[in-house]
N, C-alpha and C. Protein backbone atom coordinates (compact mmCIF):
# COMPACT_ATOMS: atom_id res chain seq x y z
N UNK A 1 43.33 36.16 17.91
CA UNK A 1 44.42 35.50 18.60
C UNK A 1 45.70 35.68 17.78
N UNK A 2 46.78 36.08 18.43
CA UNK A 2 48.05 36.24 17.76
C UNK A 2 48.66 34.88 17.47
N UNK A 3 49.41 34.82 16.41
CA UNK A 3 50.15 33.60 16.13
C UNK A 3 51.32 33.51 17.09
N UNK A 4 51.85 32.32 17.24
CA UNK A 4 53.01 32.13 18.11
C UNK A 4 54.20 32.95 17.61
N UNK A 5 54.39 33.00 16.29
CA UNK A 5 55.49 33.77 15.72
C UNK A 5 55.32 35.25 16.00
N UNK A 6 54.11 35.76 15.81
CA UNK A 6 53.86 37.17 16.08
C UNK A 6 54.10 37.48 17.55
N UNK A 7 53.65 36.58 18.43
CA UNK A 7 53.86 36.76 19.87
C UNK A 7 55.36 36.76 20.19
N UNK A 8 56.10 35.85 19.59
CA UNK A 8 57.55 35.79 19.82
C UNK A 8 58.22 37.08 19.34
N UNK A 9 57.84 37.57 18.16
CA UNK A 9 58.40 38.83 17.66
C UNK A 9 58.07 39.98 18.60
N UNK A 10 56.84 40.02 19.05
CA UNK A 10 56.42 41.09 19.96
C UNK A 10 57.21 41.02 21.26
N UNK A 11 57.34 39.81 21.81
CA UNK A 11 58.07 39.64 23.06
C UNK A 11 59.53 40.03 22.93
N UNK A 12 60.10 39.84 21.75
CA UNK A 12 61.51 40.16 21.51
C UNK A 12 61.72 41.59 21.01
N UNK A 13 60.65 42.33 20.86
CA UNK A 13 60.74 43.69 20.34
C UNK A 13 60.96 44.68 21.48
N UNK A 14 61.69 45.71 21.18
CA UNK A 14 61.87 46.78 22.15
C UNK A 14 60.56 47.53 22.31
N UNK A 15 60.23 47.87 23.53
CA UNK A 15 59.03 48.68 23.78
C UNK A 15 59.39 50.17 23.81
N UNK A 16 60.69 50.45 23.64
CA UNK A 16 61.17 51.83 23.62
C UNK A 16 61.05 52.37 22.19
N UNK A 17 59.83 52.66 21.81
CA UNK A 17 59.52 53.11 20.46
C UNK A 17 59.45 54.64 20.47
N UNK A 18 60.20 55.25 19.56
CA UNK A 18 60.22 56.71 19.45
C UNK A 18 59.28 57.13 18.32
N UNK A 19 58.28 57.91 18.67
CA UNK A 19 57.23 58.29 17.72
C UNK A 19 57.23 59.80 17.47
N UNK A 20 56.65 60.17 16.34
CA UNK A 20 56.45 61.57 16.01
C UNK A 20 55.09 61.71 15.32
N UNK A 21 54.50 62.88 15.48
CA UNK A 21 53.20 63.18 14.89
C UNK A 21 53.35 64.40 13.99
N UNK A 22 52.81 64.28 12.79
CA UNK A 22 52.72 65.43 11.88
C UNK A 22 51.25 65.64 11.55
N UNK A 23 50.73 66.81 11.90
CA UNK A 23 49.38 67.19 11.50
C UNK A 23 49.50 68.10 10.29
N UNK A 24 48.80 67.75 9.22
CA UNK A 24 48.75 68.60 8.03
C UNK A 24 47.42 69.31 8.02
N UNK A 25 47.46 70.63 8.06
CA UNK A 25 46.23 71.40 8.09
C UNK A 25 46.51 72.84 7.68
N UNK A 26 45.64 73.35 6.82
CA UNK A 26 45.71 74.76 6.46
C UNK A 26 44.90 75.61 7.43
N UNK A 27 44.06 74.98 8.25
CA UNK A 27 43.20 75.75 9.16
C UNK A 27 43.61 75.63 10.63
N UNK A 28 44.06 74.46 11.06
CA UNK A 28 44.45 74.29 12.47
C UNK A 28 45.90 74.71 12.63
N UNK A 29 46.10 75.80 13.34
CA UNK A 29 47.46 76.35 13.47
C UNK A 29 48.07 76.09 14.84
N UNK A 30 47.25 75.71 15.81
CA UNK A 30 47.77 75.52 17.16
C UNK A 30 47.52 74.09 17.62
N UNK A 31 48.36 73.63 18.55
CA UNK A 31 48.18 72.29 19.10
C UNK A 31 46.86 72.17 19.85
N UNK A 32 46.40 73.27 20.41
CA UNK A 32 45.12 73.25 21.13
C UNK A 32 43.96 73.00 20.17
N UNK A 33 44.03 73.53 18.97
CA UNK A 33 42.97 73.34 17.98
C UNK A 33 43.07 72.00 17.26
N UNK A 34 44.18 71.33 17.42
CA UNK A 34 44.44 70.06 16.72
C UNK A 34 43.99 68.88 17.58
N UNK A 35 42.69 68.59 17.55
CA UNK A 35 42.14 67.53 18.39
C UNK A 35 42.68 66.15 18.02
N UNK A 36 42.89 65.91 16.74
CA UNK A 36 43.42 64.61 16.32
C UNK A 36 44.85 64.44 16.81
N UNK A 37 45.66 65.45 16.66
CA UNK A 37 47.04 65.38 17.16
C UNK A 37 47.08 65.19 18.67
N UNK A 38 46.17 65.86 19.38
CA UNK A 38 46.09 65.69 20.84
C UNK A 38 45.78 64.24 21.20
N UNK A 39 44.84 63.65 20.50
CA UNK A 39 44.46 62.26 20.78
C UNK A 39 45.63 61.31 20.52
N UNK A 40 46.29 61.48 19.40
CA UNK A 40 47.44 60.63 19.09
C UNK A 40 48.51 60.79 20.16
N UNK A 41 48.80 62.03 20.53
CA UNK A 41 49.82 62.30 21.56
C UNK A 41 49.49 61.57 22.86
N UNK A 42 48.24 61.69 23.30
CA UNK A 42 47.82 61.06 24.56
C UNK A 42 48.00 59.54 24.48
N UNK A 43 47.59 58.95 23.39
CA UNK A 43 47.67 57.50 23.24
C UNK A 43 49.12 57.02 23.12
N UNK A 44 49.92 57.73 22.37
CA UNK A 44 51.34 57.35 22.21
C UNK A 44 52.04 57.40 23.56
N UNK A 45 51.80 58.47 24.31
CA UNK A 45 52.51 58.65 25.58
C UNK A 45 52.13 57.63 26.64
N UNK A 46 51.03 56.89 26.44
CA UNK A 46 50.69 55.85 27.40
C UNK A 46 51.56 54.61 27.25
N UNK A 47 52.22 54.45 26.09
CA UNK A 47 52.99 53.24 25.82
C UNK A 47 54.41 53.48 25.33
N UNK A 48 54.62 54.59 24.65
CA UNK A 48 55.88 54.82 23.95
C UNK A 48 56.40 56.23 24.22
N UNK A 49 57.47 56.60 23.51
CA UNK A 49 58.03 57.95 23.65
C UNK A 49 57.56 58.81 22.49
N UNK A 50 57.15 60.03 22.80
CA UNK A 50 56.79 60.98 21.76
C UNK A 50 57.95 61.97 21.63
N UNK A 51 58.64 61.91 20.51
CA UNK A 51 59.79 62.78 20.28
C UNK A 51 59.40 64.14 19.73
N UNK A 52 58.30 64.17 18.97
CA UNK A 52 57.94 65.42 18.31
C UNK A 52 56.49 65.40 17.89
N UNK A 53 55.88 66.58 17.94
CA UNK A 53 54.52 66.78 17.40
C UNK A 53 54.51 68.13 16.73
N UNK A 54 54.27 68.12 15.42
CA UNK A 54 54.31 69.38 14.67
C UNK A 54 53.04 69.53 13.84
N UNK A 55 52.73 70.77 13.52
CA UNK A 55 51.62 71.11 12.63
C UNK A 55 52.21 71.88 11.46
N UNK A 56 51.88 71.41 10.26
CA UNK A 56 52.38 72.06 9.05
C UNK A 56 51.21 72.28 8.09
N UNK A 57 51.36 73.22 7.15
CA UNK A 57 50.32 73.38 6.13
C UNK A 57 50.36 72.21 5.15
N UNK A 58 49.31 72.06 4.38
CA UNK A 58 49.23 71.01 3.35
C UNK A 58 50.16 71.38 2.19
N UNK A 59 51.44 71.24 2.40
CA UNK A 59 52.45 71.56 1.39
C UNK A 59 53.42 70.40 1.28
N UNK A 60 53.64 69.93 0.07
CA UNK A 60 54.51 68.78 -0.16
C UNK A 60 55.91 68.99 0.41
N UNK A 61 56.50 70.11 0.14
CA UNK A 61 57.88 70.35 0.60
C UNK A 61 57.98 70.40 2.12
N UNK A 62 56.97 70.96 2.77
CA UNK A 62 56.95 70.98 4.24
C UNK A 62 56.86 69.57 4.79
N UNK A 63 56.04 68.73 4.17
CA UNK A 63 55.90 67.35 4.62
C UNK A 63 57.20 66.58 4.40
N UNK A 64 57.78 66.71 3.23
CA UNK A 64 59.03 66.00 2.95
C UNK A 64 60.15 66.42 3.90
N UNK A 65 60.31 67.71 4.12
CA UNK A 65 61.39 68.17 5.00
C UNK A 65 61.12 67.75 6.45
N UNK A 66 59.86 67.74 6.86
CA UNK A 66 59.53 67.30 8.22
C UNK A 66 59.86 65.82 8.41
N UNK A 67 59.51 65.00 7.44
CA UNK A 67 59.81 63.57 7.52
C UNK A 67 61.31 63.35 7.59
N UNK A 68 62.06 64.01 6.74
CA UNK A 68 63.52 63.84 6.73
C UNK A 68 64.13 64.25 8.07
N UNK A 69 63.67 65.36 8.62
CA UNK A 69 64.21 65.81 9.91
C UNK A 69 63.89 64.81 11.02
N UNK A 70 62.68 64.31 11.04
CA UNK A 70 62.29 63.34 12.07
C UNK A 70 63.11 62.04 11.95
N UNK A 71 63.37 61.61 10.74
CA UNK A 71 64.18 60.42 10.55
C UNK A 71 65.62 60.67 11.01
N UNK A 72 66.14 61.86 10.72
CA UNK A 72 67.48 62.22 11.21
C UNK A 72 67.52 62.24 12.73
N UNK A 73 66.38 62.53 13.36
CA UNK A 73 66.28 62.51 14.83
C UNK A 73 66.02 61.11 15.38
N UNK A 74 66.10 60.11 14.50
CA UNK A 74 65.99 58.68 14.86
C UNK A 74 64.63 58.26 15.40
N UNK A 75 63.54 58.81 14.87
CA UNK A 75 62.24 58.30 15.27
C UNK A 75 62.01 56.96 14.57
N UNK A 76 61.23 56.11 15.21
CA UNK A 76 60.91 54.79 14.66
C UNK A 76 59.60 54.80 13.87
N UNK A 77 58.66 55.64 14.33
CA UNK A 77 57.32 55.68 13.75
C UNK A 77 56.90 57.13 13.57
N UNK A 78 56.38 57.45 12.38
CA UNK A 78 55.79 58.76 12.12
C UNK A 78 54.32 58.52 11.82
N UNK A 79 53.46 59.25 12.53
CA UNK A 79 52.02 59.18 12.27
C UNK A 79 51.60 60.55 11.75
N UNK A 80 51.03 60.56 10.54
CA UNK A 80 50.50 61.81 10.02
C UNK A 80 48.98 61.77 10.11
N UNK A 81 48.41 62.94 10.30
CA UNK A 81 46.96 63.07 10.31
C UNK A 81 46.60 64.29 9.46
N UNK A 82 45.63 64.10 8.59
CA UNK A 82 45.19 65.18 7.71
C UNK A 82 45.82 65.08 6.33
N UNK A 83 45.16 65.74 5.40
CA UNK A 83 45.69 65.80 4.05
C UNK A 83 45.49 64.53 3.23
N UNK A 84 44.57 63.66 3.68
CA UNK A 84 44.36 62.40 2.95
C UNK A 84 43.06 62.39 2.16
N UNK A 85 42.36 63.50 2.14
CA UNK A 85 41.06 63.56 1.47
C UNK A 85 41.17 63.74 -0.03
N UNK A 86 40.09 64.22 -0.61
CA UNK A 86 40.00 64.36 -2.07
C UNK A 86 40.15 65.80 -2.54
N UNK A 87 40.29 66.74 -1.61
CA UNK A 87 40.45 68.14 -1.99
C UNK A 87 41.77 68.33 -2.73
N UNK A 88 41.84 69.35 -3.55
CA UNK A 88 43.06 69.63 -4.31
C UNK A 88 44.26 69.85 -3.40
N UNK A 89 44.06 70.39 -2.20
CA UNK A 89 45.16 70.67 -1.27
C UNK A 89 45.61 69.44 -0.48
N UNK A 90 44.89 68.33 -0.56
CA UNK A 90 45.23 67.12 0.19
C UNK A 90 46.35 66.38 -0.54
N UNK A 91 47.58 66.49 0.01
CA UNK A 91 48.77 65.97 -0.68
C UNK A 91 49.49 64.87 0.10
N UNK A 92 48.98 64.49 1.25
CA UNK A 92 49.71 63.55 2.09
C UNK A 92 49.95 62.22 1.41
N UNK A 93 48.92 61.61 0.88
CA UNK A 93 49.05 60.26 0.31
C UNK A 93 50.03 60.25 -0.85
N UNK A 94 49.87 61.18 -1.78
CA UNK A 94 50.77 61.22 -2.94
C UNK A 94 52.22 61.44 -2.50
N UNK A 95 52.40 62.27 -1.49
CA UNK A 95 53.75 62.60 -1.03
C UNK A 95 54.41 61.42 -0.34
N UNK A 96 53.73 60.81 0.62
CA UNK A 96 54.38 59.71 1.35
C UNK A 96 54.54 58.47 0.50
N UNK A 97 53.58 58.19 -0.37
CA UNK A 97 53.68 56.98 -1.18
C UNK A 97 54.85 57.05 -2.17
N UNK A 98 55.25 58.26 -2.57
CA UNK A 98 56.45 58.41 -3.41
C UNK A 98 57.71 57.98 -2.66
N UNK A 99 57.68 58.13 -1.33
CA UNK A 99 58.84 57.80 -0.51
C UNK A 99 58.94 56.30 -0.19
N UNK A 100 57.81 55.64 -0.07
CA UNK A 100 57.79 54.28 0.46
C UNK A 100 58.70 53.33 -0.32
N UNK A 101 59.54 52.65 0.44
CA UNK A 101 60.35 51.57 -0.12
C UNK A 101 59.55 50.27 -0.09
N UNK A 102 58.66 50.17 0.90
CA UNK A 102 57.71 49.06 1.01
C UNK A 102 56.40 49.65 1.49
N UNK A 103 55.32 49.14 0.92
CA UNK A 103 53.99 49.58 1.33
C UNK A 103 53.42 48.59 2.34
N UNK A 104 52.62 49.08 3.25
CA UNK A 104 51.88 48.25 4.20
C UNK A 104 50.40 48.35 3.83
N UNK A 105 50.03 47.73 2.72
CA UNK A 105 48.68 47.84 2.20
C UNK A 105 47.62 47.42 3.20
N UNK A 106 47.95 46.47 4.08
CA UNK A 106 46.98 45.97 5.05
C UNK A 106 46.43 47.07 5.94
N UNK A 107 47.24 48.08 6.25
CA UNK A 107 46.75 49.15 7.12
C UNK A 107 45.56 49.87 6.47
N UNK A 108 45.72 50.32 5.24
CA UNK A 108 44.63 51.02 4.56
C UNK A 108 43.41 50.13 4.37
N UNK A 109 43.67 48.86 4.04
CA UNK A 109 42.56 47.93 3.84
C UNK A 109 41.76 47.74 5.14
N UNK A 110 42.47 47.46 6.24
CA UNK A 110 41.79 47.28 7.53
C UNK A 110 41.13 48.57 8.01
N UNK A 111 41.81 49.69 7.78
CA UNK A 111 41.24 50.98 8.18
C UNK A 111 39.89 51.19 7.48
N UNK A 112 39.86 50.96 6.17
CA UNK A 112 38.62 51.17 5.43
C UNK A 112 37.55 50.16 5.85
N UNK A 113 37.94 48.92 6.10
CA UNK A 113 36.97 47.92 6.54
C UNK A 113 36.36 48.30 7.88
N UNK A 114 37.21 48.70 8.82
CA UNK A 114 36.70 49.10 10.14
C UNK A 114 35.87 50.38 10.02
N UNK A 115 36.31 51.31 9.19
CA UNK A 115 35.55 52.55 8.98
C UNK A 115 34.19 52.25 8.38
N UNK A 116 34.13 51.29 7.48
CA UNK A 116 32.85 50.92 6.87
C UNK A 116 31.87 50.44 7.94
N UNK A 117 32.38 49.66 8.90
CA UNK A 117 31.52 49.20 10.00
C UNK A 117 31.01 50.38 10.82
N UNK A 118 31.81 51.44 10.92
CA UNK A 118 31.45 52.59 11.75
C UNK A 118 30.61 53.63 11.03
N UNK A 119 30.96 53.91 9.75
CA UNK A 119 30.31 55.04 9.06
C UNK A 119 29.66 54.68 7.73
N UNK A 120 29.74 53.43 7.33
CA UNK A 120 29.11 53.02 6.08
C UNK A 120 29.97 53.35 4.86
N UNK A 121 29.29 53.53 3.74
CA UNK A 121 29.98 53.69 2.46
C UNK A 121 30.87 54.93 2.37
N UNK A 122 30.72 55.88 3.27
CA UNK A 122 31.62 57.05 3.28
C UNK A 122 33.07 56.62 3.50
N UNK A 123 33.28 55.41 4.00
CA UNK A 123 34.64 54.89 4.18
C UNK A 123 35.39 54.81 2.85
N UNK A 124 34.67 54.75 1.76
CA UNK A 124 35.31 54.71 0.44
C UNK A 124 36.13 55.97 0.16
N UNK A 125 35.81 57.06 0.85
CA UNK A 125 36.54 58.31 0.65
C UNK A 125 37.92 58.29 1.31
N UNK A 126 38.16 57.34 2.19
CA UNK A 126 39.43 57.31 2.92
C UNK A 126 40.58 56.83 2.04
N UNK A 127 41.69 57.54 2.17
CA UNK A 127 42.90 57.13 1.47
C UNK A 127 44.01 56.88 2.49
N UNK A 128 43.66 56.38 3.67
CA UNK A 128 44.67 56.06 4.69
C UNK A 128 45.69 55.11 4.06
N UNK A 129 46.96 55.31 4.43
CA UNK A 129 48.03 54.51 3.83
C UNK A 129 49.15 54.35 4.84
N UNK A 130 50.04 53.42 4.56
CA UNK A 130 51.21 53.22 5.42
C UNK A 130 52.32 52.58 4.60
N UNK A 131 53.54 52.79 5.09
CA UNK A 131 54.69 52.19 4.42
C UNK A 131 55.96 52.42 5.21
N UNK A 132 57.04 51.94 4.62
CA UNK A 132 58.37 52.02 5.24
C UNK A 132 59.24 52.94 4.39
N UNK A 133 59.95 53.82 5.06
CA UNK A 133 60.91 54.71 4.40
C UNK A 133 62.10 54.87 5.33
N UNK A 134 63.27 54.50 4.84
CA UNK A 134 64.52 54.62 5.59
C UNK A 134 64.40 54.02 7.00
N UNK A 135 63.89 52.79 7.07
CA UNK A 135 63.75 52.05 8.33
C UNK A 135 62.85 52.74 9.35
N UNK A 136 61.91 53.54 8.84
CA UNK A 136 60.92 54.22 9.67
C UNK A 136 59.54 53.85 9.14
N UNK A 137 58.63 53.53 10.05
CA UNK A 137 57.26 53.21 9.67
C UNK A 137 56.46 54.50 9.64
N UNK A 138 55.73 54.72 8.55
CA UNK A 138 54.91 55.92 8.40
C UNK A 138 53.46 55.48 8.21
N UNK A 139 52.58 55.99 9.08
CA UNK A 139 51.15 55.76 8.96
C UNK A 139 50.50 57.11 8.65
N UNK A 140 49.66 57.17 7.64
CA UNK A 140 48.95 58.40 7.29
C UNK A 140 47.46 58.16 7.39
N UNK A 141 46.83 58.97 8.26
CA UNK A 141 45.40 58.84 8.54
C UNK A 141 44.68 60.14 8.23
N UNK A 142 43.36 60.05 8.03
CA UNK A 142 42.58 61.28 7.87
C UNK A 142 42.69 62.17 9.10
N UNK A 143 42.19 63.38 8.97
CA UNK A 143 42.32 64.36 10.04
C UNK A 143 41.22 64.36 11.08
N UNK A 144 40.15 63.64 10.86
CA UNK A 144 39.07 63.69 11.85
C UNK A 144 39.43 62.89 13.09
N UNK A 145 39.03 63.37 14.26
CA UNK A 145 39.33 62.63 15.49
C UNK A 145 38.80 61.19 15.47
N UNK A 146 37.61 60.97 14.92
CA UNK A 146 37.08 59.60 14.88
C UNK A 146 37.93 58.71 13.99
N UNK A 147 38.40 59.24 12.87
CA UNK A 147 39.26 58.45 11.98
C UNK A 147 40.58 58.12 12.67
N UNK A 148 41.12 59.06 13.41
CA UNK A 148 42.36 58.82 14.14
C UNK A 148 42.16 57.74 15.20
N UNK A 149 41.05 57.77 15.89
CA UNK A 149 40.76 56.73 16.89
C UNK A 149 40.68 55.37 16.22
N UNK A 150 40.04 55.31 15.07
CA UNK A 150 39.95 54.05 14.33
C UNK A 150 41.33 53.56 13.92
N UNK A 151 42.12 54.44 13.33
CA UNK A 151 43.45 54.06 12.88
C UNK A 151 44.36 53.63 14.00
N UNK A 152 44.37 54.38 15.08
CA UNK A 152 45.23 54.03 16.22
C UNK A 152 44.82 52.71 16.85
N UNK A 153 43.52 52.42 16.85
CA UNK A 153 43.09 51.14 17.44
C UNK A 153 43.68 49.96 16.69
N UNK A 154 44.02 50.14 15.43
CA UNK A 154 44.60 49.07 14.63
C UNK A 154 46.10 48.90 14.87
N UNK A 155 46.79 49.98 15.21
CA UNK A 155 48.26 49.93 15.21
C UNK A 155 48.93 50.09 16.56
N UNK A 156 48.27 50.71 17.53
CA UNK A 156 48.96 51.14 18.75
C UNK A 156 49.68 49.99 19.45
N UNK A 157 49.05 48.83 19.54
CA UNK A 157 49.68 47.71 20.24
C UNK A 157 50.68 46.95 19.37
N UNK A 158 50.65 47.18 18.08
CA UNK A 158 51.52 46.46 17.15
C UNK A 158 52.79 47.24 16.79
N UNK A 159 52.93 48.46 17.29
CA UNK A 159 54.11 49.25 16.90
C UNK A 159 55.43 48.53 17.18
N UNK A 160 55.61 47.89 18.34
CA UNK A 160 56.88 47.17 18.55
C UNK A 160 57.12 46.08 17.51
N UNK A 161 56.05 45.41 17.10
CA UNK A 161 56.17 44.35 16.10
C UNK A 161 56.60 44.94 14.75
N UNK A 162 55.97 46.06 14.34
CA UNK A 162 56.36 46.73 13.10
C UNK A 162 57.84 47.14 13.15
N UNK A 163 58.22 47.80 14.24
CA UNK A 163 59.59 48.30 14.36
C UNK A 163 60.59 47.15 14.40
N UNK A 164 60.24 46.06 15.04
CA UNK A 164 61.10 44.88 15.08
C UNK A 164 61.47 44.44 13.67
N UNK A 165 60.50 44.35 12.79
CA UNK A 165 60.75 43.91 11.42
C UNK A 165 61.50 44.95 10.60
N UNK A 166 61.14 46.20 10.78
CA UNK A 166 61.75 47.26 9.98
C UNK A 166 63.22 47.47 10.32
N UNK A 167 63.59 47.31 11.57
CA UNK A 167 64.96 47.57 12.00
C UNK A 167 65.91 46.41 11.74
N UNK A 168 65.37 45.25 11.33
CA UNK A 168 66.22 44.08 11.08
C UNK A 168 67.16 44.32 9.92
């Protein structure tokens, strides 16, 4: 049950949320091969505006420049998928956390708790994270379609509430 304050914030929040998706992958080069990006796109478009969906390699500079461009394009929410694992090429978490002016630790905590219910102790491998950078909310999730479904189930209905607070 939502608190009265949370409900009031949600009711007073704009539902015109501009979102962007960044898929980080060295192997998936096309939107057709990017099942996680497809799922995010479909879910976002049911409630909000999708301004951009891009696929980039697991490269720090590509991620940083993509984030900056999307913020210049006035997106409210950036969702990244991929690059959160333990491989040497997985740079998403380190890159975005350097940018965060405020962290949203609850996202990663809830993501791992829900993942634990779904997949057991393998949830410990997840480094899902979220934070605020230049009045934009950034959520970073693993690249698997199931992980994206888990992550989106936590945030999709709360995006107006997040944006309400961040834009104040």
